[in-house]
N, C-alpha and C. Protein backbone atom coordinates (compact mmCIF):
# COMPACT_ATOMS: atom_id res chain seq x y z
N MET A 1 -7.84 -8.60 -13.33
CA MET A 1 -8.26 -7.83 -14.85
C MET A 1 -7.40 -6.69 -15.34
N TYR A 2 -7.09 -6.72 -16.86
CA TYR A 2 -6.21 -5.85 -17.86
C TYR A 2 -7.32 -4.84 -18.37
N ILE A 3 -6.51 -4.09 -18.86
CA ILE A 3 -6.69 -3.33 -19.66
C ILE A 3 -7.74 -3.76 -21.28
N GLU A 4 -6.96 -4.52 -21.01
CA GLU A 4 -7.35 -5.32 -22.79
C GLU A 4 -8.34 -6.05 -22.75
N GLN A 5 -8.80 -6.33 -21.15
CA GLN A 5 -10.22 -7.20 -21.36
C GLN A 5 -11.68 -5.99 -21.32
N ALA A 6 -11.04 -4.83 -21.44
CA ALA A 6 -11.97 -4.04 -20.91
C ALA A 6 -12.59 -3.31 -22.11
N ASN A 7 -13.76 -2.78 -22.39
CA ASN A 7 -14.35 -2.67 -24.17
C ASN A 7 -13.59 -1.31 -24.52
N THR A 8 -12.53 -1.65 -25.50
CA THR A 8 -12.11 -0.50 -26.08
C THR A 8 -12.37 -0.56 -27.11
N GLN A 9 -12.07 0.80 -27.47
CA GLN A 9 -12.63 1.35 -29.13
C GLN A 9 -11.33 1.91 -29.47
N ILE A 10 -11.74 0.95 -31.24
CA ILE A 10 -11.13 1.66 -32.62
C ILE A 10 -11.59 2.05 -32.43
N GLU A 11 -12.28 3.42 -32.69
CA GLU A 11 -12.74 4.44 -33.58
C GLU A 11 -12.15 6.04 -33.38
N HIS A 12 -11.26 5.44 -32.47
CA HIS A 12 -11.33 7.48 -31.64
C HIS A 12 -9.49 7.78 -32.12
N GLU A 13 -9.67 7.51 -33.57
CA GLU A 13 -8.34 7.67 -33.67
C GLU A 13 -8.25 8.42 -35.12
N VAL A 14 -7.22 9.64 -35.94
CA VAL A 14 -7.63 9.33 -36.97
C VAL A 14 -6.00 9.41 -37.14
N LYS A 15 -5.53 9.42 -39.33
CA LYS A 15 -4.46 9.19 -39.91
C LYS A 15 -3.99 10.67 -39.61
N PRO A 16 -2.07 10.59 -39.65
CA PRO A 16 -1.69 11.82 -39.77
C PRO A 16 -1.85 12.73 -41.39
N SER A 17 -2.45 11.94 -42.04
CA SER A 17 -2.55 12.36 -43.16
C SER A 17 -4.38 13.09 -43.47
N ASP A 18 -5.23 12.89 -42.38
CA ASP A 18 -6.19 13.17 -42.59
C ASP A 18 -6.48 14.73 -42.17
N SER A 19 -7.37 15.42 -42.22
CA SER A 19 -7.59 17.15 -42.21
C SER A 19 -7.99 17.34 -41.27
N ILE A 20 -7.81 18.79 -40.38
CA ILE A 20 -8.00 19.29 -38.99
C ILE A 20 -9.28 19.13 -39.37
N ALA A 21 -10.10 19.64 -40.25
CA ALA A 21 -11.59 19.66 -40.42
C ALA A 21 -12.32 18.31 -40.73
N TYR A 22 -12.19 17.27 -40.83
CA TYR A 22 -12.08 15.36 -40.88
C TYR A 22 -11.96 15.39 -39.42
N ALA A 23 -10.84 15.90 -38.51
CA ALA A 23 -11.11 15.64 -37.00
C ALA A 23 -11.72 16.04 -35.93
N LEU A 24 -12.17 17.64 -36.56
CA LEU A 24 -12.69 17.97 -35.67
C LEU A 24 -14.35 17.68 -35.83
N HIS A 25 -14.37 17.31 -36.95
CA HIS A 25 -16.06 16.75 -37.35
C HIS A 25 -16.00 15.20 -36.96
N LYS A 26 -14.90 14.42 -36.95
CA LYS A 26 -15.21 13.09 -35.87
C LYS A 26 -14.89 12.95 -34.86
N MET A 27 -14.61 14.05 -33.79
CA MET A 27 -14.93 14.40 -32.64
C MET A 27 -16.34 14.76 -32.48
N SER A 28 -16.74 15.51 -33.12
CA SER A 28 -18.26 16.18 -32.64
C SER A 28 -19.08 15.09 -33.12
N ASP A 29 -18.60 14.34 -33.78
CA ASP A 29 -19.69 12.82 -34.42
C ASP A 29 -19.59 11.94 -32.64
N LEU A 30 -18.35 11.55 -32.51
CA LEU A 30 -18.10 11.02 -31.27
C LEU A 30 -18.26 11.82 -29.77
N HIS A 31 -18.23 12.70 -29.94
CA HIS A 31 -18.76 13.58 -28.68
C HIS A 31 -17.62 12.97 -27.98
N SER A 32 -16.27 13.61 -28.28
CA SER A 32 -14.73 13.44 -27.85
C SER A 32 -13.87 14.65 -28.30
N SER A 33 -13.01 15.11 -27.17
CA SER A 33 -12.29 16.18 -27.13
C SER A 33 -11.03 15.61 -27.40
N GLN A 34 -10.77 14.65 -27.91
CA GLN A 34 -9.93 14.16 -27.73
C GLN A 34 -9.07 12.68 -28.92
N LEU A 35 -8.22 12.96 -29.85
CA LEU A 35 -8.44 11.59 -31.18
C LEU A 35 -6.97 11.51 -30.53
N ALA A 36 -7.01 9.85 -30.76
CA ALA A 36 -5.61 9.09 -30.83
C ALA A 36 -4.88 9.63 -32.42
N VAL A 37 -3.68 9.74 -32.92
CA VAL A 37 -3.35 10.02 -34.46
C VAL A 37 -2.17 8.53 -34.09
N VAL A 38 -2.74 7.76 -35.35
CA VAL A 38 -2.24 6.52 -35.52
C VAL A 38 -1.92 6.33 -37.14
N ASP A 39 -0.56 5.73 -37.44
CA ASP A 39 -0.29 5.58 -38.48
C ASP A 39 0.22 3.48 -38.51
N ASN A 40 -1.04 3.39 -39.52
CA ASN A 40 -0.80 1.68 -39.03
C ASN A 40 -0.22 0.73 -38.03
N GLN A 41 -1.17 1.16 -36.87
CA GLN A 41 -0.82 0.26 -35.31
C GLN A 41 -0.04 1.32 -35.10
N SER A 42 1.02 2.67 -35.59
CA SER A 42 2.01 3.10 -34.75
C SER A 42 0.96 4.37 -34.46
N PHE A 43 1.13 4.72 -33.16
CA PHE A 43 0.68 5.66 -32.43
C PHE A 43 1.52 6.79 -32.09
N ILE A 44 1.12 7.74 -32.57
CA ILE A 44 1.98 9.00 -32.95
C ILE A 44 1.74 10.00 -32.01
N GLY A 45 0.61 9.97 -30.98
CA GLY A 45 0.26 11.18 -30.30
C GLY A 45 -0.70 11.03 -30.13
N LEU A 46 -1.47 12.29 -28.99
CA LEU A 46 -3.17 12.88 -28.72
C LEU A 46 -3.21 13.90 -28.87
N ILE A 47 -4.05 14.16 -29.98
CA ILE A 47 -4.55 15.95 -30.54
C ILE A 47 -5.86 16.07 -29.72
N SER A 48 -5.82 17.55 -29.14
CA SER A 48 -6.87 17.97 -28.19
C SER A 48 -7.66 18.70 -29.54
N GLU A 49 -9.26 18.60 -29.14
CA GLU A 49 -10.64 19.52 -29.87
C GLU A 49 -9.63 21.32 -30.15
N ASP A 50 -9.42 21.56 -28.98
CA ASP A 50 -8.84 22.58 -28.48
C ASP A 50 -7.43 23.31 -29.52
N GLN A 51 -6.50 22.39 -29.64
CA GLN A 51 -5.76 22.17 -30.56
C GLN A 51 -5.71 22.73 -31.44
N LEU A 52 -6.91 21.87 -32.17
CA LEU A 52 -7.09 22.02 -33.66
C LEU A 52 -7.93 23.31 -33.58
N LEU A 53 -8.75 23.55 -32.90
CA LEU A 53 -9.94 24.77 -32.98
C LEU A 53 -9.01 26.27 -32.94
N ASN A 54 -7.45 26.16 -33.10
CA ASN A 54 -6.45 27.08 -32.73
C ASN A 54 -5.92 27.15 -34.19
N GLN A 55 -6.14 26.75 -35.18
CA GLN A 55 -5.39 25.95 -36.59
C GLN A 55 -6.50 27.26 -37.52
N SER A 56 -5.74 28.02 -37.75
CA SER A 56 -6.39 28.90 -39.27
C SER A 56 -6.83 27.78 -40.06
N ASP A 57 -5.58 26.90 -40.52
CA ASP A 57 -6.25 26.27 -41.84
C ASP A 57 -6.43 24.86 -41.38
N VAL A 58 -8.39 24.85 -41.74
CA VAL A 58 -8.63 23.54 -41.49
C VAL A 58 -8.50 22.67 -42.35
N ASP A 59 -7.44 22.52 -43.49
CA ASP A 59 -7.08 21.65 -44.74
C ASP A 59 -5.73 21.41 -44.38
N GLN A 60 -5.15 21.90 -43.59
CA GLN A 60 -3.87 21.02 -42.88
C GLN A 60 -4.19 19.74 -42.39
N GLU A 61 -3.10 18.90 -42.76
CA GLU A 61 -3.05 18.12 -42.01
C GLU A 61 -2.68 17.80 -40.56
N VAL A 62 -3.13 16.75 -39.83
CA VAL A 62 -3.02 16.79 -38.76
C VAL A 62 -1.46 16.28 -38.32
N GLY A 63 -0.65 15.88 -38.70
CA GLY A 63 0.67 15.20 -38.72
C GLY A 63 1.60 16.65 -38.68
N GLN A 64 1.14 17.36 -39.26
CA GLN A 64 2.10 18.42 -39.02
C GLN A 64 1.73 19.61 -37.96
N LEU A 65 1.03 18.81 -37.18
CA LEU A 65 0.81 19.21 -35.71
C LEU A 65 1.54 18.56 -34.44
N ASN A 66 2.51 17.91 -35.33
CA ASN A 66 3.56 16.73 -34.49
C ASN A 66 3.78 17.27 -33.15
N SER A 67 4.38 18.66 -33.32
CA SER A 67 4.93 18.91 -32.20
C SER A 67 3.45 19.45 -30.89
N LEU A 68 2.87 19.04 -31.08
CA LEU A 68 1.28 19.71 -30.44
C LEU A 68 1.29 19.11 -30.04
N LEU A 69 1.24 17.38 -29.71
CA LEU A 69 0.55 16.08 -29.86
C LEU A 69 0.96 15.67 -28.81
N LYS A 70 0.37 14.86 -27.89
CA LYS A 70 0.86 14.35 -26.23
C LYS A 70 0.78 13.00 -26.59
N PHE A 71 2.21 12.73 -26.14
CA PHE A 71 2.37 10.98 -26.21
C PHE A 71 2.44 10.53 -24.62
N VAL A 72 0.80 10.10 -24.33
CA VAL A 72 0.46 9.58 -23.72
C VAL A 72 -0.42 8.21 -23.81
N TYR A 73 -0.34 7.11 -23.06
CA TYR A 73 -0.27 5.86 -23.30
C TYR A 73 -0.73 5.04 -21.95
N LEU A 74 -1.28 3.81 -22.21
CA LEU A 74 -1.19 2.85 -21.60
C LEU A 74 -0.77 1.67 -21.97
N PHE A 75 -0.21 0.46 -21.19
CA PHE A 75 0.23 -1.23 -22.28
C PHE A 75 -1.38 -1.32 -22.04
N ASN A 76 -1.25 -2.06 -22.48
CA ASN A 76 -3.29 -3.50 -22.62
C ASN A 76 -2.70 -4.49 -21.27
N ASP A 77 -1.68 -4.80 -20.14
CA ASP A 77 -1.57 -5.58 -19.68
C ASP A 77 -1.65 -4.37 -18.19
N GLN A 78 -1.64 -3.29 -18.27
CA GLN A 78 -1.64 -2.29 -17.01
C GLN A 78 -3.72 -2.80 -16.94
N HIS A 79 -3.68 -1.96 -15.09
CA HIS A 79 -4.99 -1.77 -14.52
C HIS A 79 -5.64 -0.86 -15.05
N PRO A 80 -7.23 -0.77 -15.30
CA PRO A 80 -7.78 -0.32 -15.00
C PRO A 80 -8.08 1.57 -14.31
N LEU A 81 -7.26 0.87 -13.08
CA LEU A 81 -6.92 1.60 -12.03
C LEU A 81 -5.97 2.89 -12.24
N ASP A 82 -4.96 2.20 -12.95
CA ASP A 82 -3.34 2.91 -13.86
C ASP A 82 -4.48 3.73 -14.64
N ALA A 83 -5.22 3.50 -15.79
CA ALA A 83 -5.81 4.56 -16.95
C ALA A 83 -6.84 5.29 -16.17
N LEU A 84 -7.05 5.06 -14.95
CA LEU A 84 -7.94 6.41 -14.01
C LEU A 84 -7.51 7.14 -13.68
N GLN A 85 -6.00 6.73 -12.92
CA GLN A 85 -5.07 8.00 -12.50
C GLN A 85 -4.40 8.63 -14.04
N TYR A 86 -3.95 8.23 -14.71
CA TYR A 86 -3.87 8.87 -16.05
C TYR A 86 -4.40 9.95 -16.45
N MET A 87 -5.77 9.45 -16.82
CA MET A 87 -7.25 10.00 -17.10
C MET A 87 -7.12 11.84 -16.20
N SER A 88 -7.04 11.16 -15.30
CA SER A 88 -6.95 12.10 -14.43
C SER A 88 -6.17 13.00 -14.17
N ALA A 89 -5.25 12.72 -14.66
CA ALA A 89 -3.80 13.26 -13.90
C ALA A 89 -3.35 14.58 -15.10
N HIS A 90 -4.20 13.82 -16.25
CA HIS A 90 -3.80 14.15 -17.72
C HIS A 90 -4.96 14.57 -18.68
N GLN A 91 -6.45 15.15 -17.42
CA GLN A 91 -7.80 15.62 -18.25
C GLN A 91 -8.13 15.32 -19.77
N LEU A 92 -7.94 13.78 -19.84
CA LEU A 92 -8.20 12.90 -21.03
C LEU A 92 -9.95 12.65 -20.67
N SER A 93 -10.21 12.78 -22.49
CA SER A 93 -11.43 11.83 -22.35
C SER A 93 -11.37 10.50 -22.86
N VAL A 94 -10.38 10.48 -23.70
CA VAL A 94 -9.74 9.38 -24.49
C VAL A 94 -8.36 9.06 -23.83
N LEU A 95 -7.92 7.63 -23.80
CA LEU A 95 -6.50 7.11 -23.87
C LEU A 95 -6.30 6.39 -24.07
N PRO A 96 -5.12 6.18 -25.06
CA PRO A 96 -4.68 5.04 -26.34
C PRO A 96 -4.22 3.92 -25.97
N ILE A 97 -4.55 3.10 -25.50
CA ILE A 97 -3.64 1.54 -25.22
C ILE A 97 -2.91 0.86 -26.32
N LEU A 98 -1.42 0.88 -25.90
CA LEU A 98 -1.11 -0.34 -26.44
C LEU A 98 -0.20 -1.19 -26.13
N ASP A 99 0.12 -2.54 -27.47
CA ASP A 99 0.50 -3.48 -26.78
C ASP A 99 1.67 -3.36 -26.02
N LYS A 100 2.38 -5.16 -26.36
CA LYS A 100 3.77 -5.22 -25.25
C LYS A 100 5.03 -4.86 -26.86
N GLU A 101 4.29 -5.01 -28.12
CA GLU A 101 5.26 -4.43 -29.24
C GLU A 101 5.18 -2.70 -29.67
N HIS A 102 4.03 -2.78 -28.44
CA HIS A 102 4.06 -1.15 -29.12
C HIS A 102 3.40 -0.65 -30.20
N LYS A 103 2.44 -1.24 -30.16
CA LYS A 103 1.18 -1.06 -31.76
C LYS A 103 -0.24 -0.83 -30.75
N TYR A 104 -0.62 0.07 -31.75
CA TYR A 104 -1.79 0.87 -31.06
C TYR A 104 -2.57 -0.03 -31.05
N THR A 105 -3.56 -0.29 -30.40
CA THR A 105 -4.66 -1.39 -30.16
C THR A 105 -6.34 -0.74 -29.45
N GLY A 106 -6.09 0.41 -29.84
CA GLY A 106 -7.37 0.99 -29.00
C GLY A 106 -7.61 1.75 -28.35
N SER A 107 -8.40 2.27 -27.87
CA SER A 107 -8.42 3.81 -26.94
C SER A 107 -9.64 3.11 -25.79
N ILE A 108 -9.31 3.36 -24.86
CA ILE A 108 -10.50 3.56 -23.73
C ILE A 108 -10.84 4.95 -23.17
N THR A 109 -12.39 5.05 -22.96
CA THR A 109 -12.87 6.07 -23.05
C THR A 109 -13.32 6.49 -21.90
N ALA A 110 -13.40 7.80 -21.40
CA ALA A 110 -13.98 7.91 -20.38
C ALA A 110 -15.41 6.91 -19.47
N LYS A 111 -16.26 6.55 -21.02
CA LYS A 111 -17.36 6.08 -20.61
C LYS A 111 -17.18 5.35 -19.95
N GLU A 112 -16.24 4.28 -20.76
CA GLU A 112 -16.10 3.17 -20.78
C GLU A 112 -15.61 2.53 -19.21
N LEU A 113 -14.11 3.72 -19.20
CA LEU A 113 -13.18 3.20 -17.87
C LEU A 113 -14.25 2.99 -17.06
N LEU A 114 -15.08 4.23 -16.63
CA LEU A 114 -16.38 4.00 -15.53
C LEU A 114 -17.23 2.82 -15.68
N ASN A 115 -17.45 2.49 -16.80
CA ASN A 115 -18.58 0.94 -16.31
C ASN A 115 -17.51 -0.17 -16.14
N GLU A 116 -16.07 0.07 -16.39
CA GLU A 116 -15.23 -1.06 -16.23
C GLU A 116 -14.85 -0.65 -14.84
N LEU A 117 -14.63 0.15 -13.91
CA LEU A 117 -14.68 0.57 -12.30
C LEU A 117 -15.97 0.11 -11.79
N ASN A 118 -17.16 0.23 -12.35
CA ASN A 118 -18.11 0.28 -11.31
C ASN A 118 -17.78 -1.07 -11.02
N ASP A 119 -18.12 -2.27 -12.35
CA ASP A 119 -17.48 -3.89 -12.48
C ASP A 119 -16.93 -3.98 -10.89
N ILE A 120 -15.61 -3.53 -11.37
CA ILE A 120 -14.73 -3.76 -10.13
C ILE A 120 -14.86 -3.84 -9.00
N LEU A 121 -15.24 -2.22 -8.72
CA LEU A 121 -15.61 -2.60 -7.53
C LEU A 121 -17.19 -2.53 -6.82
N GLY A 122 -17.43 -3.76 -7.42
CA GLY A 122 -18.90 -4.54 -7.42
C GLY A 122 -20.10 -3.38 -6.78
N ASN A 123 -19.82 -1.94 -7.43
CA ASN A 123 -20.75 -0.93 -7.22
C ASN A 123 -22.23 -1.64 -8.46
N ASN A 124 -22.46 -2.41 -9.32
CA ASN A 124 -23.36 -3.33 -10.00
C ASN A 124 -24.16 -3.90 -9.38
N GLU A 125 -23.96 -4.77 -8.37
CA GLU A 125 -24.49 -5.21 -7.05
C GLU A 125 -25.27 -4.38 -6.37
N PRO A 126 -26.51 -4.68 -5.56
CA PRO A 126 -27.00 -3.48 -4.38
C PRO A 126 -25.96 -4.10 -2.97
N GLY A 127 -26.54 -3.30 -1.99
CA GLY A 127 -25.14 -3.25 -0.80
C GLY A 127 -25.81 -1.85 -0.33
N ALA A 128 -25.77 -1.69 0.57
CA ALA A 128 -24.86 -0.51 1.57
C ALA A 128 -23.64 0.45 1.11
N ILE A 129 -23.44 1.69 1.94
CA ILE A 129 -22.28 2.10 1.67
C ILE A 129 -21.62 2.40 3.10
N ILE A 130 -21.53 2.42 3.84
CA ILE A 130 -20.12 3.02 5.42
C ILE A 130 -18.96 3.72 5.36
N VAL A 131 -19.26 5.25 5.66
CA VAL A 131 -18.17 5.82 5.77
C VAL A 131 -17.71 5.39 7.17
N LEU A 132 -16.35 5.42 7.39
CA LEU A 132 -15.74 5.59 8.54
C LEU A 132 -14.50 6.57 8.30
N GLU A 133 -14.80 7.12 9.74
CA GLU A 133 -13.48 8.30 10.31
C GLU A 133 -12.72 7.58 10.72
N LEU A 134 -11.01 7.31 10.51
CA LEU A 134 -10.30 6.99 11.33
C LEU A 134 -8.80 8.14 11.61
N GLY A 135 -8.58 7.46 12.71
CA GLY A 135 -7.19 7.78 12.82
C GLY A 135 -5.98 7.83 11.83
N LYS A 136 -4.82 8.21 11.45
CA LYS A 136 -4.24 6.97 10.66
C LYS A 136 -3.56 5.70 11.27
N ALA A 137 -3.28 6.17 12.37
CA ALA A 137 -2.72 4.96 13.35
C ALA A 137 -3.88 3.58 13.91
N ASP A 138 -4.99 4.13 13.87
CA ASP A 138 -5.88 3.33 14.04
C ASP A 138 -6.60 2.41 12.80
N VAL A 139 -6.48 2.50 11.52
CA VAL A 139 -6.84 1.42 10.68
C VAL A 139 -6.00 0.28 10.59
N SER A 140 -7.28 -1.08 11.00
CA SER A 140 -6.91 -2.49 11.28
C SER A 140 -8.13 -3.13 9.98
N LEU A 141 -7.55 -3.30 9.00
CA LEU A 141 -8.65 -3.59 8.23
C LEU A 141 -8.62 -5.09 8.57
N SER A 142 -7.94 -6.12 9.46
CA SER A 142 -8.33 -7.27 9.75
C SER A 142 -9.65 -7.18 10.54
N HIS A 143 -9.47 -6.00 11.74
CA HIS A 143 -9.97 -5.85 12.71
C HIS A 143 -11.59 -5.65 12.36
N ILE A 144 -11.44 -4.51 11.16
CA ILE A 144 -12.84 -3.90 10.85
C ILE A 144 -13.51 -5.30 10.03
N THR A 145 -12.74 -6.11 9.27
CA THR A 145 -13.05 -7.05 8.16
C THR A 145 -13.82 -8.57 9.15
N HIS A 146 -13.48 -8.16 10.65
CA HIS A 146 -13.25 -9.77 10.86
C HIS A 146 -15.26 -9.32 11.82
N LEU A 147 -14.98 -7.79 12.54
CA LEU A 147 -16.14 -7.44 12.74
C LEU A 147 -17.14 -7.09 11.67
N ILE A 148 -17.28 -6.52 10.18
CA ILE A 148 -18.12 -6.66 9.61
C ILE A 148 -19.21 -7.94 9.47
N GLU A 149 -17.72 -8.99 9.07
CA GLU A 149 -18.18 -10.31 8.82
C GLU A 149 -18.82 -11.16 9.69
N SER A 150 -18.91 -10.59 11.49
CA SER A 150 -19.36 -11.57 12.48
C SER A 150 -20.68 -11.15 12.42
N GLU A 151 -21.11 -10.11 11.81
CA GLU A 151 -22.33 -9.78 11.14
C GLU A 151 -23.55 -10.31 10.03
N ASN A 152 -22.15 -11.29 9.52
CA ASN A 152 -23.42 -12.19 8.32
C ASN A 152 -23.24 -11.08 7.15
N VAL A 153 -22.66 -10.12 7.03
CA VAL A 153 -22.23 -9.38 6.24
C VAL A 153 -20.45 -8.73 5.51
N HIS A 154 -20.78 -9.31 4.26
CA HIS A 154 -19.12 -9.10 3.30
C HIS A 154 -19.36 -8.24 2.77
N ILE A 155 -17.89 -7.42 2.38
CA ILE A 155 -17.02 -6.25 2.30
C ILE A 155 -17.28 -6.93 0.04
N ARG A 156 -17.88 -5.49 -0.21
CA ARG A 156 -17.72 -5.92 -1.96
C ARG A 156 -16.22 -5.01 -2.20
N SER A 157 -15.64 -3.66 -1.46
CA SER A 157 -15.06 -2.62 -2.07
C SER A 157 -15.32 -2.03 -0.61
N LEU A 158 -13.18 -1.65 -1.18
CA LEU A 158 -13.64 -0.95 0.17
C LEU A 158 -11.63 0.21 0.02
N ALA A 159 -12.16 1.23 0.34
CA ALA A 159 -11.52 2.50 -0.34
C ALA A 159 -10.74 3.53 1.02
N ILE A 160 -9.85 3.91 1.24
CA ILE A 160 -9.21 4.66 1.82
C ILE A 160 -8.81 5.94 1.27
N ARG A 161 -8.97 7.10 1.72
CA ARG A 161 -8.31 8.47 1.67
C ARG A 161 -8.11 9.23 2.50
N GLU A 162 -6.87 9.59 2.65
CA GLU A 162 -6.54 11.03 3.63
C GLU A 162 -7.35 11.95 3.20
N ILE A 163 -7.34 12.57 4.44
CA ILE A 163 -8.48 13.65 5.14
C ILE A 163 -7.26 14.33 4.70
N PRO A 164 -7.36 15.82 4.16
CA PRO A 164 -6.65 16.91 4.11
C PRO A 164 -6.44 17.66 5.55
N ASP A 165 -5.56 17.81 5.38
CA ASP A 165 -4.76 19.47 6.45
C ASP A 165 -5.69 18.21 8.35
N SER A 166 -5.37 17.13 8.10
CA SER A 166 -5.82 16.26 9.24
C SER A 166 -5.07 14.96 9.72
N THR A 167 -5.21 14.34 10.46
CA THR A 167 -4.41 13.24 11.06
C THR A 167 -5.41 11.88 10.67
N LYS A 168 -6.41 12.00 10.43
CA LYS A 168 -7.53 11.40 10.10
C LYS A 168 -7.36 10.49 8.54
N VAL A 169 -7.76 9.69 8.30
CA VAL A 169 -7.99 8.86 6.99
C VAL A 169 -10.25 8.86 6.66
N GLU A 170 -10.24 8.93 5.83
CA GLU A 170 -11.87 8.57 5.64
C GLU A 170 -11.69 7.11 5.09
N MET A 171 -12.65 6.37 5.21
CA MET A 171 -12.21 4.58 4.69
C MET A 171 -14.25 4.41 4.61
N THR A 172 -14.17 3.97 2.85
CA THR A 172 -16.03 3.93 2.18
C THR A 172 -15.71 2.58 1.86
N ILE A 173 -16.21 1.67 2.34
CA ILE A 173 -16.18 0.15 2.41
C ILE A 173 -18.53 0.34 1.97
N LYS A 174 -18.15 -0.64 0.70
CA LYS A 174 -19.28 -1.16 -0.04
C LYS A 174 -19.55 -2.59 0.78
N VAL A 175 -20.42 -2.74 1.35
CA VAL A 175 -21.06 -4.15 1.81
C VAL A 175 -22.39 -4.96 1.15
N ASP A 176 -22.37 -5.91 1.10
CA ASP A 176 -23.53 -7.14 -0.07
C ASP A 176 -24.56 -6.83 0.57
N LYS A 177 -24.99 -6.19 1.93
CA LYS A 177 -26.39 -5.74 2.62
C LYS A 177 -26.67 -4.69 2.51
N GLN A 178 -28.31 -4.07 2.94
CA GLN A 178 -28.61 -2.82 2.73
C GLN A 178 -28.89 -2.88 4.24
N ASN A 179 -29.77 -3.77 4.68
CA ASN A 179 -29.95 -3.64 6.14
C ASN A 179 -28.87 -3.69 7.00
N ILE A 180 -28.24 -3.12 7.29
CA ILE A 180 -26.86 -3.11 8.33
C ILE A 180 -26.94 -1.77 9.43
N ALA A 181 -28.60 -2.11 9.97
CA ALA A 181 -28.12 -1.35 11.45
C ALA A 181 -27.71 -2.03 12.21
N PRO A 182 -27.51 -3.26 12.21
CA PRO A 182 -27.06 -3.66 13.63
C PRO A 182 -25.63 -4.40 13.23
N LEU A 183 -25.40 -3.71 11.83
CA LEU A 183 -23.55 -3.64 11.70
C LEU A 183 -22.92 -1.91 12.17
N VAL A 184 -23.49 -1.12 11.94
CA VAL A 184 -23.36 0.43 12.28
C VAL A 184 -23.65 0.05 13.30
N ALA A 185 -24.31 -0.81 14.68
CA ALA A 185 -24.52 -0.21 15.98
C ALA A 185 -23.19 -0.65 16.48
N SER A 186 -22.73 -2.24 15.79
CA SER A 186 -21.09 -2.15 15.74
C SER A 186 -20.34 -1.95 16.03
N LEU A 187 -20.36 -1.34 15.24
CA LEU A 187 -19.09 -0.50 14.80
C LEU A 187 -18.81 0.91 15.78
N TRP A 188 -19.99 1.46 16.15
CA TRP A 188 -20.21 2.03 17.18
C TRP A 188 -19.61 1.77 18.48
N ARG A 189 -20.17 0.46 18.99
CA ARG A 189 -19.72 0.08 20.30
C ARG A 189 -18.24 -0.28 20.37
N PHE A 190 -17.58 -0.24 19.09
CA PHE A 190 -16.07 -0.70 19.43
C PHE A 190 -15.77 0.55 18.90
N ASP A 191 -16.14 1.61 19.03
CA ASP A 191 -15.83 3.22 19.04
C ASP A 191 -14.96 3.54 17.65
N TYR A 192 -15.69 2.83 16.65
CA TYR A 192 -15.68 3.57 15.06
C TYR A 192 -16.42 4.88 15.17
N THR A 193 -15.84 5.56 14.43
CA THR A 193 -16.60 6.93 14.09
C THR A 193 -17.44 7.17 12.76
N VAL A 194 -18.82 6.48 12.12
CA VAL A 194 -19.42 5.96 11.32
C VAL A 194 -20.05 7.35 10.89
N LYS A 195 -18.81 7.96 9.48
CA LYS A 195 -19.32 9.34 9.19
C LYS A 195 -20.53 9.50 8.65
N ALA A 196 -21.37 8.05 7.40
CA ALA A 196 -22.42 8.36 6.72
C ALA A 196 -22.51 6.98 6.28
N THR A 197 -24.32 6.71 5.77
CA THR A 197 -24.22 5.55 5.41
C THR A 197 -24.66 5.81 3.93
N PHE A 198 -25.20 5.26 3.37
CA PHE A 198 -25.26 5.38 2.25
C PHE A 198 -26.58 4.11 1.20
N ASN A 199 -27.77 4.03 1.10
CA ASN A 199 -28.11 2.64 -0.07
C ASN A 199 -28.73 1.56 1.59
N ASP A 200 -29.07 2.45 2.71
CA ASP A 200 -29.04 1.15 3.50
C ASP A 200 -30.85 1.38 3.86
N GLY A 201 -31.23 1.04 2.61
CA GLY A 201 -32.98 1.54 3.05
C GLY A 201 -33.71 2.42 3.75
N SER A 202 -33.07 2.96 4.28
CA SER A 202 -33.55 4.11 5.28
C SER A 202 -33.91 5.32 4.53
N PRO A 203 -35.18 5.89 4.99
CA PRO A 203 -35.49 7.34 3.78
C PRO A 203 -34.59 8.54 3.80
N ASP A 204 -33.36 8.57 5.05
CA ASP A 204 -32.13 9.17 4.20
C ASP A 204 -31.01 8.63 5.15
N SER A 205 -29.98 8.75 4.53
CA SER A 205 -29.07 7.81 5.10
C SER A 205 -28.38 9.57 5.78
N ASP A 206 -28.00 10.60 5.86
CA ASP A 206 -27.70 10.82 7.72
C ASP A 206 -27.33 10.48 8.56
N ILE A 207 -25.95 10.05 8.93
CA ILE A 207 -26.21 9.38 10.18
C ILE A 207 -26.28 10.07 11.18
N ASN A 208 -26.28 11.10 11.50
CA ASN A 208 -26.50 12.13 12.65
C ASN A 208 -27.99 12.33 12.61
N ASP A 209 -28.44 12.08 11.58
CA ASP A 209 -30.17 12.34 11.98
C ASP A 209 -30.85 11.09 12.70
N ARG A 210 -30.05 9.81 12.41
CA ARG A 210 -30.44 8.73 12.68
C ARG A 210 -29.37 8.24 14.38
N TYR A 211 -28.73 8.91 14.61
CA TYR A 211 -27.50 8.62 15.57
C TYR A 211 -29.04 7.94 16.63
N GLY A 212 -29.95 9.13 17.27
CA GLY A 212 -30.58 8.49 17.75
C GLY A 212 -31.35 7.09 18.12
N ILE A 213 -31.81 6.58 16.97
CA ILE A 213 -31.76 5.30 16.76
C ILE A 213 -31.21 4.00 17.11
N LEU A 214 -29.77 4.68 16.34
CA LEU A 214 -28.84 3.78 17.09
C LEU A 214 -28.65 3.36 18.36
N MET A 215 -28.42 4.23 19.00
CA MET A 215 -28.29 5.09 20.54
C MET A 215 -29.35 3.90 21.36
N ASN A 216 -30.60 3.91 20.80
CA ASN A 216 -31.68 3.24 20.97
C ASN A 216 -31.28 1.73 21.27
N TYR A 217 -30.89 1.58 19.96
CA TYR A 217 -30.75 -0.26 19.51
C TYR A 217 -29.22 -0.13 20.28
N LEU A 218 -28.39 0.00 21.02
CA LEU A 218 -27.66 -0.42 21.39
C LEU A 218 -28.23 0.10 23.33
N ASN A 219 -29.18 0.34 23.80
CA ASN A 219 -30.00 0.52 24.81
C ASN A 219 -28.90 1.67 25.46
N LEU A 220 -28.84 2.64 24.88
CA LEU A 220 -27.72 3.77 25.90
C LEU A 220 -28.73 4.91 26.05
């Protein structure tokens, strides 16, 4: 999956010759706080609403603010996760996309990126979410995958993040079934700490409230 396959927009840009007033009006219409400045497919930079509002002369051309433009972009053969990283790091609502010849092909918005990542992570499909807490040295994807599939459940997506100021990590697993009581019981049986579950069809998904149910299932 490349960014070029995502739904990039070709309306989130202005020309260097456009006025600040025009750019602000376009931002208002698009509900966007940034626009790409483009001259005949040549990407000049990214301008923000705050930068435009700080200017006293709204008739001034956007191109005259060249020193304020942020030169941030991605190539169209990069992954949407790269776009997520850039948008988060630079606090962007719009990310310009260039081709191999450095020509501007459009911009991906935060909304379109979220939709794209939702598809990539299989989050459009029904299924439960399991959150495990593991020691960094205890992460064995092969064992966890085998355990899950032995319960006739399949993984849709998996993510790992380090828990701050800890030697542990948090593993979030999206699976293709909602009835996961047997799977959760198996995870407990193999000494995995199930921190929480979501969308599993229960009235609430707080793992502590249902710990007794799991223990009864295990006949403990």
